[in-house]
């Protein structure tokens, strides 16, 4: 079965190449659009922060409201980052997982075959 191993190696190399073709342009696109995509999140944060200052007269209440707005702003940015990382990395990682699964399955099949013939 040497041809199966060569075929599997060729398939692995092809998947790695496809993954790079997927990952690099998409990452570049997301990095280029980061400021444009973040602008609405920043605007929303600033509007809500102004609302906090206008709605609450007491300093403690304003501080609590602003803290909540800062946490929401941080959460929105984190979600944006996570979504972009997942969009870039998920298909290559799924393919890598599939390759690992197939390699293990193939090696287990070989070890079973050797155990039965002995």
PDB file of N, CA and C in Angstrom:
ATOM      1  N   UNK A   1       0.793  -1.215   0.000  1.00  0.00           N
ATOM      2  CA  UNK A   1       0.000   0.000   0.000  1.00  0.00           C
ATOM      3  C   UNK A   1       0.832   1.275   0.000  1.00  0.00           C
ATOM      4  N   UNK A   2       1.970   1.307  -0.643  1.00  0.00           N
ATOM      5  CA  UNK A   2       2.740   2.554  -0.655  1.00  0.00           C
ATOM      6  C   UNK A   2       2.036   3.663  -1.415  1.00  0.00           C
ATOM      7  N   UNK A   3       1.241   3.320  -2.437  1.00  0.00           N
ATOM      8  CA  UNK A   3       0.561   4.356  -3.211  1.00  0.00           C
ATOM      9  C   UNK A   3      -0.505   5.070  -2.377  1.00  0.00           C
ATOM     10  N   UNK A   4      -1.117   4.384  -1.407  1.00  0.00           N
ATOM     11  CA  UNK A   4      -2.113   5.015  -0.535  1.00  0.00           C
ATOM     12  C   UNK A   4      -1.442   6.064   0.338  1.00  0.00           C
ATOM     13  N   UNK A   5      -0.244   5.749   0.837  1.00  0.00           N
ATOM     14  CA  UNK A   5       0.490   6.701   1.666  1.00  0.00           C
ATOM     15  C   UNK A   5       0.875   7.946   0.860  1.00  0.00           C
ATOM     16  N   UNK A   6       1.318   7.730  -0.371  1.00  0.00           N
ATOM     17  CA  UNK A   6       1.677   8.860  -1.233  1.00  0.00           C
ATOM     18  C   UNK A   6       0.447   9.699  -1.554  1.00  0.00           C
ATOM     19  N   UNK A   7      -0.675   9.031  -1.798  1.00  0.00           N
ATOM     20  CA  UNK A   7      -1.917   9.735  -2.082  1.00  0.00           C
ATOM     21  C   UNK A   7      -2.361  10.549  -0.866  1.00  0.00           C
ATOM     22  N   UNK A   8      -2.240   9.942   0.314  1.00  0.00           N
ATOM     23  CA  UNK A   8      -2.611  10.639   1.544  1.00  0.00           C
ATOM     24  C   UNK A   8      -1.708  11.848   1.779  1.00  0.00           C
ATOM     25  N   UNK A   9      -0.408  11.697   1.514  1.00  0.00           N
ATOM     26  CA  UNK A   9       0.526  12.821   1.655  1.00  0.00           C
ATOM     27  C   UNK A   9       0.184  13.934   0.674  1.00  0.00           C
ATOM     28  N   UNK A  10      -0.164  13.555  -0.542  1.00  0.00           N
ATOM     29  CA  UNK A  10      -0.543  14.555  -1.558  1.00  0.00           C
ATOM     30  C   UNK A  10      -1.825  15.276  -1.140  1.00  0.00           C
ATOM     31  N   UNK A  11      -2.771  14.507  -0.597  1.00  0.00           N
ATOM     32  CA  UNK A  11      -4.020  15.102  -0.125  1.00  0.00           C
ATOM     33  C   UNK A  11      -3.746  16.051   1.051  1.00  0.00           C
ATOM     34  N   UNK A  12      -2.864  15.659   1.950  1.00  0.00           N
ATOM     35  CA  UNK A  12      -2.509  16.519   3.093  1.00  0.00           C
ATOM     36  C   UNK A  12      -1.876  17.820   2.620  1.00  0.00           C
ATOM     37  N   UNK A  13      -0.964  17.714   1.672  1.00  0.00           N
ATOM     38  CA  UNK A  13      -0.313  18.910   1.136  1.00  0.00           C
ATOM     39  C   UNK A  13      -1.333  19.803   0.426  1.00  0.00           C
ATOM     40  N   UNK A  14      -2.236  19.192  -0.332  1.00  0.00           N
ATOM     41  CA  UNK A  14      -3.269  19.961  -1.041  1.00  0.00           C
ATOM     42  C   UNK A  14      -4.166  20.683  -0.054  1.00  0.00           C
ATOM     43  N   UNK A  15      -4.542  19.990   1.027  1.00  0.00           N
ATOM     44  CA  UNK A  15      -5.394  20.636   2.025  1.00  0.00           C
ATOM     45  C   UNK A  15      -4.667  21.792   2.704  1.00  0.00           C
ATOM     46  N   UNK A  16      -3.392  21.621   2.997  1.00  0.00           N
ATOM     47  CA  UNK A  16      -2.610  22.701   3.611  1.00  0.00           C
ATOM     48  C   UNK A  16      -2.554  23.908   2.678  1.00  0.00           C
ATOM     49  N   UNK A  17      -2.371  23.661   1.393  1.00  0.00           N
ATOM     50  CA  UNK A  17      -2.327  24.750   0.417  1.00  0.00           C
ATOM     51  C   UNK A  17      -3.680  25.455   0.312  1.00  0.00           C
ATOM     52  N   UNK A  18      -4.756  24.676   0.260  1.00  0.00           N
ATOM     53  CA  UNK A  18      -6.097  25.267   0.208  1.00  0.00           C
ATOM     54  C   UNK A  18      -6.372  26.074   1.479  1.00  0.00           C
ATOM     55  N   UNK A  19      -5.930  25.566   2.612  1.00  0.00           N
ATOM     56  CA  UNK A  19      -6.128  26.274   3.880  1.00  0.00           C
ATOM     57  C   UNK A  19      -5.419  27.616   3.878  1.00  0.00           C
ATOM     58  N   UNK A  20      -4.198  27.641   3.367  1.00  0.00           N
ATOM     59  CA  UNK A  20      -3.475  28.914   3.283  1.00  0.00           C
ATOM     60  C   UNK A  20      -4.151  29.878   2.324  1.00  0.00           C
ATOM     61  N   UNK A  21      -4.643  29.344   1.212  1.00  0.00           N
ATOM     62  CA  UNK A  21      -5.349  30.191   0.247  1.00  0.00           C
ATOM     63  C   UNK A  21      -6.617  30.749   0.873  1.00  0.00           C
ATOM     64  N   UNK A  22      -7.255  29.999   1.746  1.00  0.00           N
ATOM     65  CA  UNK A  22      -8.451  30.464   2.456  1.00  0.00           C
ATOM     66  C   UNK A  22      -8.080  31.478   3.536  1.00  0.00           C
ATOM     67  N   UNK A  23      -7.102  31.141   4.342  1.00  0.00           N
ATOM     68  CA  UNK A  23      -6.798  31.887   5.553  1.00  0.00           C
ATOM     69  C   UNK A  23      -6.165  33.254   5.284  1.00  0.00           C
ATOM     70  N   UNK A  24      -5.178  33.310   4.432  1.00  0.00           N
ATOM     71  CA  UNK A  24      -4.418  34.555   4.249  1.00  0.00           C
ATOM     72  C   UNK A  24      -5.270  35.683   3.657  1.00  0.00           C
ATOM     73  N   UNK A  25      -5.979  35.477   2.539  1.00  0.00           N
ATOM     74  CA  UNK A  25      -6.785  36.595   2.022  1.00  0.00           C
ATOM     75  C   UNK A  25      -7.918  37.007   2.958  1.00  0.00           C
ATOM     76  N   UNK A  26      -8.545  36.027   3.625  1.00  0.00           N
ATOM     77  CA  UNK A  26      -9.635  36.361   4.534  1.00  0.00           C
ATOM     78  C   UNK A  26      -9.122  37.151   5.737  1.00  0.00           C
ATOM     79  N   UNK A  27      -7.987  36.745   6.273  1.00  0.00           N
ATOM     80  CA  UNK A  27      -7.388  37.486   7.392  1.00  0.00           C
ATOM     81  C   UNK A  27      -7.017  38.900   6.949  1.00  0.00           C
ATOM     82  N   UNK A  28      -6.449  39.035   5.772  1.00  0.00           N
ATOM     83  CA  UNK A  28      -6.096  40.355   5.248  1.00  0.00           C
ATOM     84  C   UNK A  28      -7.342  41.226   5.083  1.00  0.00           C
ATOM     85  N   UNK A  29      -8.420  40.631   4.560  1.00  0.00           N
ATOM     86  CA  UNK A  29      -9.681  41.355   4.398  1.00  0.00           C
ATOM     87  C   UNK A  29     -10.209  41.843   5.746  1.00  0.00           C
ATOM     88  N   UNK A  30     -10.237  40.951   6.731  1.00  0.00           N
ATOM     89  CA  UNK A  30     -10.743  41.322   8.053  1.00  0.00           C
ATOM     90  C   UNK A  30      -9.878  42.395   8.702  1.00  0.00           C
ATOM     91  N   UNK A  31      -8.576  42.296   8.544  1.00  0.00           N
ATOM     92  CA  UNK A  31      -7.697  43.313   9.133  1.00  0.00           C
ATOM     93  C   UNK A  31      -7.895  44.670   8.463  1.00  0.00           C
ATOM     94  N   UNK A  32      -8.111  44.663   7.151  1.00  0.00           N
ATOM     95  CA  UNK A  32      -8.347  45.922   6.444  1.00  0.00           C
ATOM     96  C   UNK A  32      -9.669  46.576   6.842  1.00  0.00           C
ATOM     97  N   UNK A  33     -10.660  45.786   7.137  1.00  0.00           N
ATOM     98  CA  UNK A  33     -11.991  46.311   7.464  1.00  0.00           C
ATOM     99  C   UNK A  33     -12.207  46.524   8.959  1.00  0.00           C
ATOM    100  N   UNK A  34     -11.221  46.223   9.782  1.00  0.00           N
ATOM    101  CA  UNK A  34     -11.408  46.281  11.226  1.00  0.00           C
ATOM    102  C   UNK A  34     -11.903  47.659  11.681  1.00  0.00           C
ATOM    103  N   UNK A  35     -11.271  48.722  11.241  1.00  0.00           N
ATOM    104  CA  UNK A  35     -11.674  50.072  11.675  1.00  0.00           C
ATOM    105  C   UNK A  35     -13.087  50.408  11.207  1.00  0.00           C
ATOM    106  N   UNK A  36     -13.421  50.033   9.981  1.00  0.00           N
ATOM    107  CA  UNK A  36     -14.763  50.311   9.465  1.00  0.00           C
ATOM    108  C   UNK A  36     -15.825  49.524  10.218  1.00  0.00           C
ATOM    109  N   UNK A  37     -15.521  48.278  10.548  1.00  0.00           N
ATOM    110  CA  UNK A  37     -16.486  47.444  11.266  1.00  0.00           C
ATOM    111  C   UNK A  37     -16.604  47.835  12.730  1.00  0.00           C
ATOM    112  N   UNK A  38     -15.558  48.398  13.285  1.00  0.00           N
ATOM    113  CA  UNK A  38     -15.565  48.792  14.688  1.00  0.00           C
ATOM    114  C   UNK A  38     -16.239  50.150  14.898  1.00  0.00           C
ATOM    115  N   UNK A  39     -16.317  50.965  13.871  1.00  0.00           N
ATOM    116  CA  UNK A  39     -16.894  52.304  14.002  1.00  0.00           C
ATOM    117  C   UNK A  39     -18.318  52.294  14.564  1.00  0.00           C
ATOM    118  N   UNK A  40     -19.233  51.452  14.080  1.00  0.00           N
ATOM    119  CA  UNK A  40     -20.587  51.443  14.668  1.00  0.00           C
ATOM    120  C   UNK A  40     -20.586  51.026  16.141  1.00  0.00           C
ATOM    121  N   UNK A  41     -19.712  50.111  16.502  1.00  0.00           N
ATOM    122  CA  UNK A  41     -19.629  49.678  17.901  1.00  0.00           C
ATOM    123  C   UNK A  41     -19.154  50.839  18.770  1.00  0.00           C
ATOM    124  N   UNK A  42     -18.162  51.576  18.295  1.00  0.00           N
ATOM    125  CA  UNK A  42     -17.669  52.732  19.043  1.00  0.00           C
ATOM    126  C   UNK A  42     -18.721  53.832  19.148  1.00  0.00           C
ATOM    127  N   UNK A  43     -19.455  54.061  18.053  1.00  0.00           N
ATOM    128  CA  UNK A  43     -20.518  55.077  18.089  1.00  0.00           C
ATOM    129  C   UNK A  43     -21.594  54.711  19.105  1.00  0.00           C
ATOM    130  N   UNK A  44     -21.984  53.451  19.106  1.00  0.00           N
ATOM    131  CA  UNK A  44     -22.993  52.988  20.061  1.00  0.00           C
ATOM    132  C   UNK A  44     -22.501  53.174  21.485  1.00  0.00           C
ATOM    133  N   UNK A  45     -21.237  52.860  21.719  1.00  0.00           N
ATOM    134  CA  UNK A  45     -20.661  53.025  23.055  1.00  0.00           C
ATOM    135  C   UNK A  45     -20.689  54.500  23.476  1.00  0.00           C
ATOM    136  N   UNK A  46     -20.283  55.373  22.602  1.00  0.00           N
ATOM    137  CA  UNK A  46     -20.255  56.800  22.941  1.00  0.00           C
ATOM    138  C   UNK A  46     -21.664  57.342  23.201  1.00  0.00           C
ATOM    139  N   UNK A  47     -22.640  56.934  22.379  1.00  0.00           N
ATOM    140  CA  UNK A  47     -24.024  57.369  22.596  1.00  0.00           C
ATOM    141  C   UNK A  47     -24.559  56.878  23.940  1.00  0.00           C
ATOM    142  N   UNK A  48     -24.291  55.636  24.260  1.00  0.00           N
ATOM    143  CA  UNK A  48     -24.771  55.093  25.528  1.00  0.00           C
ATOM    144  C   UNK A  48     -24.049  55.728  26.710  1.00  0.00           C
ATOM    145  N   UNK A  49     -22.784  56.035  26.546  1.00  0.00           N
ATOM    146  CA  UNK A  49     -22.055  56.709  27.626  1.00  0.00           C
ATOM    147  C   UNK A  49     -22.635  58.102  27.876  1.00  0.00           C
ATOM    148  N   UNK A  50     -22.979  58.810  26.796  1.00  0.00           N
ATOM    149  CA  UNK A  50     -23.613  60.120  26.959  1.00  0.00           C
ATOM    150  C   UNK A  50     -24.982  59.983  27.620  1.00  0.00           C
ATOM    151  N   UNK A  51     -25.708  58.928  27.274  1.00  0.00           N
ATOM    152  CA  UNK A  51     -27.007  58.679  27.892  1.00  0.00           C
ATOM    153  C   UNK A  51     -26.851  58.425  29.389  1.00  0.00           C
ATOM    154  N   UNK A  52     -25.799  57.710  29.750  1.00  0.00           N
ATOM    155  CA  UNK A  52     -25.536  57.465  31.182  1.00  0.00           C
ATOM    156  C   UNK A  52     -25.322  58.787  31.919  1.00  0.00           C
ATOM    157  N   UNK A  53     -24.524  59.645  31.322  1.00  0.00           N
ATOM    158  CA  UNK A  53     -24.220  60.927  31.966  1.00  0.00           C
ATOM    159  C   UNK A  53     -25.458  61.807  32.060  1.00  0.00           C
ATOM    160  N   UNK A  54     -26.332  61.722  31.042  1.00  0.00           N
ATOM    161  CA  UNK A  54     -27.535  62.549  31.048  1.00  0.00           C
ATOM    162  C   UNK A  54     -28.627  61.969  31.946  1.00  0.00           C
ATOM    163  N   UNK A  55     -28.679  60.670  32.071  1.00  0.00           N
ATOM    164  CA  UNK A  55     -29.768  60.027  32.812  1.00  0.00           C
ATOM    165  C   UNK A  55     -29.565  60.036  34.323  1.00  0.00           C
ATOM    166  N   UNK A  56     -28.327  59.968  34.753  1.00  0.00           N
ATOM    167  CA  UNK A  56     -28.050  59.847  36.188  1.00  0.00           C
ATOM    168  C   UNK A  56     -27.317  61.080  36.687  1.00  0.00           C
ATOM    169  N   UNK A  57     -27.836  61.654  37.757  1.00  0.00           N
ATOM    170  CA  UNK A  57     -27.219  62.850  38.318  1.00  0.00           C
ATOM    171  C   UNK A  57     -26.122  62.498  39.322  1.00  0.00           C
ATOM    172  N   UNK A  58     -26.340  61.419  40.056  1.00  0.00           N
ATOM    173  CA  UNK A  58     -25.356  61.026  41.067  1.00  0.00           C
ATOM    174  C   UNK A  58     -24.128  60.421  40.387  1.00  0.00           C
ATOM    175  N   UNK A  59     -22.968  60.741  40.920  1.00  0.00           N
ATOM    176  CA  UNK A  59     -21.707  60.267  40.341  1.00  0.00           C
ATOM    177  C   UNK A  59     -21.585  58.743  40.424  1.00  0.00           C
ATOM    178  N   UNK A  60     -22.020  58.158  41.543  1.00  0.00           N
ATOM    179  CA  UNK A  60     -21.946  56.699  41.688  1.00  0.00           C
ATOM    180  C   UNK A  60     -22.793  55.994  40.633  1.00  0.00           C
ATOM    181  N   UNK A  61     -23.981  56.501  40.395  1.00  0.00           N
ATOM    182  CA  UNK A  61     -24.868  55.900  39.399  1.00  0.00           C
ATOM    183  C   UNK A  61     -24.266  56.051  37.999  1.00  0.00           C
ATOM    184  N   UNK A  62     -23.700  57.218  37.707  1.00  0.00           N
ATOM    185  CA  UNK A  62     -23.044  57.423  36.409  1.00  0.00           C
ATOM    186  C   UNK A  62     -21.879  56.456  36.242  1.00  0.00           C
ATOM    187  N   UNK A  63     -21.085  56.292  37.309  1.00  0.00           N
ATOM    188  CA  UNK A  63     -19.936  55.395  37.234  1.00  0.00           C
ATOM    189  C   UNK A  63     -20.363  53.949  36.978  1.00  0.00           C
ATOM    190  N   UNK A  64     -21.421  53.513  37.650  1.00  0.00           N
ATOM    191  CA  UNK A  64     -21.924  52.148  37.428  1.00  0.00           C
ATOM    192  C   UNK A  64     -22.420  51.979  35.999  1.00  0.00           C
ATOM    193  N   UNK A  65     -23.163  52.951  35.525  1.00  0.00           N
ATOM    194  CA  UNK A  65     -23.680  52.893  34.159  1.00  0.00           C
ATOM    195  C   UNK A  65     -22.528  52.877  33.145  1.00  0.00           C
ATOM    196  N   UNK A  66     -21.536  53.726  33.353  1.00  0.00           N
ATOM    197  CA  UNK A  66     -20.389  53.767  32.443  1.00  0.00           C
ATOM    198  C   UNK A  66     -19.592  52.463  32.488  1.00  0.00           C
ATOM    199  N   UNK A  67     -19.499  51.880  33.669  1.00  0.00           N
ATOM    200  CA  UNK A  67     -18.798  50.600  33.788  1.00  0.00           C
ATOM    201  C   UNK A  67     -19.512  49.515  32.978  1.00  0.00           C
ATOM    202  N   UNK A  68     -20.832  49.512  33.058  1.00  0.00           N
ATOM    203  CA  UNK A  68     -21.609  48.546  32.270  1.00  0.00           C
ATOM    204  C   UNK A  68     -21.405  48.790  30.778  1.00  0.00           C
ATOM    205  N   UNK A  69     -21.386  50.047  30.375  1.00  0.00           N
ATOM    206  CA  UNK A  69     -21.186  50.371  28.960  1.00  0.00           C
ATOM    207  C   UNK A  69     -19.782  49.960  28.508  1.00  0.00           C
ATOM    208  N   UNK A  70     -18.789  50.144  29.359  1.00  0.00           N
ATOM    209  CA  UNK A  70     -17.425  49.728  29.009  1.00  0.00           C
ATOM    210  C   UNK A  70     -17.341  48.207  28.867  1.00  0.00           C
ATOM    211  N   UNK A  71     -18.036  47.496  29.743  1.00  0.00           N
ATOM    212  CA  UNK A  71     -18.047  46.039  29.644  1.00  0.00           C
ATOM    213  C   UNK A  71     -18.736  45.579  28.361  1.00  0.00           C
ATOM    214  N   UNK A  72     -19.832  46.212  28.005  1.00  0.00           N
ATOM    215  CA  UNK A  72     -20.514  45.869  26.754  1.00  0.00           C
ATOM    216  C   UNK A  72     -19.638  46.180  25.538  1.00  0.00           C
ATOM    217  N   UNK A  73     -18.917  47.290  25.617  1.00  0.00           N
ATOM    218  CA  UNK A  73     -18.013  47.659  24.528  1.00  0.00           C
ATOM    219  C   UNK A  73     -16.901  46.616  24.391  1.00  0.00           C
ATOM    220  N   UNK A  74     -16.325  46.208  25.509  1.00  0.00           N
ATOM    221  CA  UNK A  74     -15.284  45.181  25.496  1.00  0.00           C
ATOM    222  C   UNK A  74     -15.840  43.869  24.943  1.00  0.00           C
ATOM    223  N   UNK A  75     -17.038  43.514  25.363  1.00  0.00           N
ATOM    224  CA  UNK A  75     -17.666  42.284  24.893  1.00  0.00           C
ATOM    225  C   UNK A  75     -17.913  42.334  23.388  1.00  0.00           C
ATOM    226  N   UNK A  76     -18.382  43.441  22.889  1.00  0.00           N
ATOM    227  CA  UNK A  76     -18.634  43.578  21.443  1.00  0.00           C
ATOM    228  C   UNK A  76     -17.348  43.431  20.645  1.00  0.00           C
ATOM    229  N   UNK A  77     -16.282  44.062  21.123  1.00  0.00           N
ATOM    230  CA  UNK A  77     -14.989  43.948  20.433  1.00  0.00           C
ATOM    231  C   UNK A  77     -14.476  42.514  20.487  1.00  0.00           C
ATOM    232  N   UNK A  78     -14.653  41.867  21.623  1.00  0.00           N
ATOM    233  CA  UNK A  78     -14.190  40.480  21.766  1.00  0.00           C
ATOM    234  C   UNK A  78     -14.965  39.546  20.846  1.00  0.00           C
ATOM    235  N   UNK A  79     -16.259  39.762  20.737  1.00  0.00           N
ATOM    236  CA  UNK A  79     -17.076  38.940  19.846  1.00  0.00           C
ATOM    237  C   UNK A  79     -16.665  39.164  18.395  1.00  0.00           C
ATOM    238  N   UNK A  80     -16.394  40.410  18.031  1.00  0.00           N
ATOM    239  CA  UNK A  80     -15.934  40.690  16.671  1.00  0.00           C
ATOM    240  C   UNK A  80     -14.633  39.950  16.378  1.00  0.00           C
ATOM    241  N   UNK A  81     -13.715  39.983  17.324  1.00  0.00           N
ATOM    242  CA  UNK A  81     -12.432  39.309  17.142  1.00  0.00           C
ATOM    243  C   UNK A  81     -12.627  37.800  17.035  1.00  0.00           C
ATOM    244  N   UNK A  82     -13.415  37.227  17.941  1.00  0.00           N
ATOM    245  CA  UNK A  82     -13.643  35.783  17.927  1.00  0.00           C
ATOM    246  C   UNK A  82     -14.310  35.333  16.631  1.00  0.00           C
ATOM    247  N   UNK A  83     -15.285  36.086  16.151  1.00  0.00           N
ATOM    248  CA  UNK A  83     -15.957  35.730  14.899  1.00  0.00           C
ATOM    249  C   UNK A  83     -14.991  35.720  13.725  1.00  0.00           C
ATOM    250  N   UNK A  84     -14.109  36.679  13.689  1.00  0.00           N
ATOM    251  CA  UNK A  84     -13.156  36.745  12.587  1.00  0.00           C
ATOM    252  C   UNK A  84     -12.126  35.615  12.664  1.00  0.00           C
ATOM    253  N   UNK A  85     -11.675  35.327  13.854  1.00  0.00           N
ATOM    254  CA  UNK A  85     -10.724  34.224  14.011  1.00  0.00           C
ATOM    255  C   UNK A  85     -11.381  32.898  13.614  1.00  0.00           C
ATOM    256  N   UNK A  86     -12.624  32.705  14.048  1.00  0.00           N
ATOM    257  CA  UNK A  86     -13.324  31.474  13.684  1.00  0.00           C
ATOM    258  C   UNK A  86     -13.573  31.378  12.179  1.00  0.00           C
ATOM    259  N   UNK A  87     -13.930  32.479  11.562  1.00  0.00           N
ATOM    260  CA  UNK A  87     -14.169  32.457  10.114  1.00  0.00           C
ATOM    261  C   UNK A  87     -12.889  32.105   9.356  1.00  0.00           C
ATOM    262  N   UNK A  88     -11.761  32.587   9.846  1.00  0.00           N
ATOM    263  CA  UNK A  88     -10.487  32.287   9.186  1.00  0.00           C
ATOM    264  C   UNK A  88     -10.010  30.869   9.480  1.00  0.00           C
ATOM    265  N   UNK A  89     -10.139  30.435  10.721  1.00  0.00           N
ATOM    266  CA  UNK A  89      -9.486  29.199  11.153  1.00  0.00           C
ATOM    267  C   UNK A  89     -10.377  27.964  11.107  1.00  0.00           C
ATOM    268  N   UNK A  90     -11.677  28.112  11.140  1.00  0.00           N
ATOM    269  CA  UNK A  90     -12.548  26.938  11.246  1.00  0.00           C
ATOM    270  C   UNK A  90     -12.405  25.962  10.073  1.00  0.00           C
ATOM    271  N   UNK A  91     -12.526  26.383   8.819  1.00  0.00           N
ATOM    272  CA  UNK A  91     -12.400  25.400   7.729  1.00  0.00           C
ATOM    273  C   UNK A  91     -11.040  24.697   7.705  1.00  0.00           C
ATOM    274  N   UNK A  92      -9.907  25.413   7.854  1.00  0.00           N
ATOM    275  CA  UNK A  92      -8.636  24.681   7.910  1.00  0.00           C
ATOM    276  C   UNK A  92      -8.547  23.721   9.098  1.00  0.00           C
ATOM    277  N   UNK A  93      -9.080  24.116  10.249  1.00  0.00           N
ATOM    278  CA  UNK A  93      -9.027  23.227  11.407  1.00  0.00           C
ATOM    279  C   UNK A  93      -9.934  22.011  11.239  1.00  0.00           C
ATOM    280  N   UNK A  94     -11.072  22.198  10.605  1.00  0.00           N
ATOM    281  CA  UNK A  94     -11.953  21.058  10.329  1.00  0.00           C
ATOM    282  C   UNK A  94     -11.239  20.072   9.403  1.00  0.00           C
ATOM    283  N   UNK A  95     -10.592  20.594   8.380  1.00  0.00           N
ATOM    284  CA  UNK A  95      -9.834  19.730   7.468  1.00  0.00           C
ATOM    285  C   UNK A  95      -8.690  19.032   8.169  1.00  0.00           C
ATOM    286  N   UNK A  96      -7.993  19.735   9.040  1.00  0.00           N
ATOM    287  CA  UNK A  96      -6.904  19.126   9.795  1.00  0.00           C
ATOM    288  C   UNK A  96      -7.437  18.011  10.697  1.00  0.00           C
ATOM    289  N   UNK A  97      -8.555  18.265  11.342  1.00  0.00           N
ATOM    290  CA  UNK A  97      -9.162  17.227  12.176  1.00  0.00           C
ATOM    291  C   UNK A  97      -9.548  16.010  11.358  1.00  0.00           C
ATOM    292  N   UNK A  98     -10.078  16.244  10.171  1.00  0.00           N
ATOM    293  CA  UNK A  98     -10.442  15.143   9.286  1.00  0.00           C
ATOM    294  C   UNK A  98      -9.203  14.352   8.870  1.00  0.00           C
ATOM    295  N   UNK A  99      -8.125  15.041   8.542  1.00  0.00           N
ATOM    296  CA  UNK A  99      -6.891  14.358   8.162  1.00  0.00           C
ATOM    297  C   UNK A  99      -6.334  13.527   9.319  1.00  0.00           C
ATOM    298  N   UNK A 100      -6.353  14.080  10.517  1.00  0.00           N
ATOM    299  CA  UNK A 100      -5.872  13.332  11.690  1.00  0.00           C
ATOM    300  C   UNK A 100      -6.742  12.096  11.910  1.00  0.00           C
ATOM    301  N   UNK A 101      -8.040  12.257  11.806  1.00  0.00           N
ATOM    302  CA  UNK A 101      -8.964  11.129  11.973  1.00  0.00           C
ATOM    303  C   UNK A 101      -8.677  10.042  10.938  1.00  0.00           C
ATOM    304  N   UNK A 102      -8.532  10.430   9.677  1.00  0.00           N
ATOM    305  CA  UNK A 102      -8.276   9.445   8.627  1.00  0.00           C
ATOM    306  C   UNK A 102      -6.930   8.756   8.819  1.00  0.00           C
ATOM    307  N   UNK A 103      -5.934   9.510   9.235  1.00  0.00           N
ATOM    308  CA  UNK A 103      -4.609   8.911   9.461  1.00  0.00           C
ATOM    309  C   UNK A 103      -4.669   7.902  10.608  1.00  0.00           C
ATOM    310  N   UNK A 104      -5.355   8.253  11.695  1.00  0.00           N
ATOM    311  CA  UNK A 104      -5.483   7.315  12.822  1.00  0.00           C
ATOM    312  C   UNK A 104      -6.267   6.079  12.405  1.00  0.00           C
ATOM    313  N   UNK A 105      -7.318   6.286  11.678  1.00  0.00           N
ATOM    314  CA  UNK A 105      -8.139   5.161  11.240  1.00  0.00           C
ATOM    315  C   UNK A 105      -7.336   4.234  10.334  1.00  0.00           C
ATOM    316  N   UNK A 106      -6.547   4.829   9.455  1.00  0.00           N
ATOM    317  CA  UNK A 106      -5.721   4.035   8.545  1.00  0.00           C
ATOM    318  C   UNK A 106      -4.647   3.278   9.316  1.00  0.00           C
ATOM    319  N   UNK A 107      -4.016   3.936  10.308  1.00  0.00           N
ATOM    320  CA  UNK A 107      -2.971   3.260  11.075  1.00  0.00           C
ATOM    321  C   UNK A 107      -3.566   2.168  11.965  1.00  0.00           C
ATOM    322  N   UNK A 108      -4.773   2.369  12.494  1.00  0.00           N
ATOM    323  CA  UNK A 108      -5.434   1.321  13.284  1.00  0.00           C
ATOM    324  C   UNK A 108      -5.803   0.143  12.404  1.00  0.00           C
ATOM    325  N   UNK A 109      -6.214   0.405  11.192  1.00  0.00           N
ATOM    326  CA  UNK A 109      -6.540  -0.669  10.259  1.00  0.00           C
ATOM    327  C   UNK A 109      -5.319  -1.502   9.921  1.00  0.00           C
ATOM    328  N   UNK A 110      -4.169  -0.846   9.767  1.00  0.00           N
ATOM    329  CA  UNK A 110      -2.927  -1.559   9.491  1.00  0.00           C
ATOM    330  C   UNK A 110      -2.505  -2.412  10.674  1.00  0.00           C
ATOM    331  N   UNK A 111      -2.642  -1.844  11.899  1.00  0.00           N
ATOM    332  CA  UNK A 111      -2.222  -2.605  13.078  1.00  0.00           C
ATOM    333  C   UNK A 111      -3.149  -3.792  13.312  1.00  0.00           C
ATOM    334  N   UNK A 112      -4.429  -3.667  13.011  1.00  0.00           N
ATOM    335  CA  UNK A 112      -5.362  -4.792  13.122  1.00  0.00           C
ATOM    336  C   UNK A 112      -5.019  -5.869  12.120  1.00  0.00           C
ATOM    337  N   UNK A 113      -4.697  -5.440  10.925  1.00  0.00           N
ATOM    338  CA  UNK A 113      -4.344  -6.395   9.866  1.00  0.00           C
ATOM    339  C   UNK A 113      -3.106  -7.183  10.223  1.00  0.00           C
ATOM    340  N   UNK A 114      -2.115  -6.560  10.812  1.00  0.00           N
ATOM    341  CA  UNK A 114      -0.890  -7.249  11.236  1.00  0.00           C
ATOM    342  C   UNK A 114      -1.183  -8.207  12.373  1.00  0.00           C
ATOM    343  N   UNK A 115      -2.063  -7.806  13.310  1.00  0.00           N
ATOM    344  CA  UNK A 115      -2.381  -8.654  14.461  1.00  0.00           C
ATOM    345  C   UNK A 115      -3.139  -9.900  14.039  1.00  0.00           C
ATOM    346  N   UNK A 116      -3.961  -9.808  13.014  1.00  0.00           N
ATOM    347  CA  UNK A 116      -4.752 -10.949  12.571  1.00  0.00           C
ATOM    348  C   UNK A 116      -3.916 -11.933  11.763  1.00  0.00           C
ATOM    349  N   UNK A 117      -2.918 -11.433  11.022  1.00  0.00           N
ATOM    350  CA  UNK A 117      -2.123 -12.323  10.181  1.00  0.00           C
ATOM    351  C   UNK A 117      -1.085 -13.078  10.994  1.00  0.00           C
ATOM    352  N   UNK A 118      -0.756 -12.646  12.185  1.00  0.00           N
ATOM    353  CA  UNK A 118       0.260 -13.333  13.003  1.00  0.00           C
ATOM    354  C   UNK A 118      -0.293 -14.551  13.679  1.00  0.00           C
TER     355      UNK A 118
END
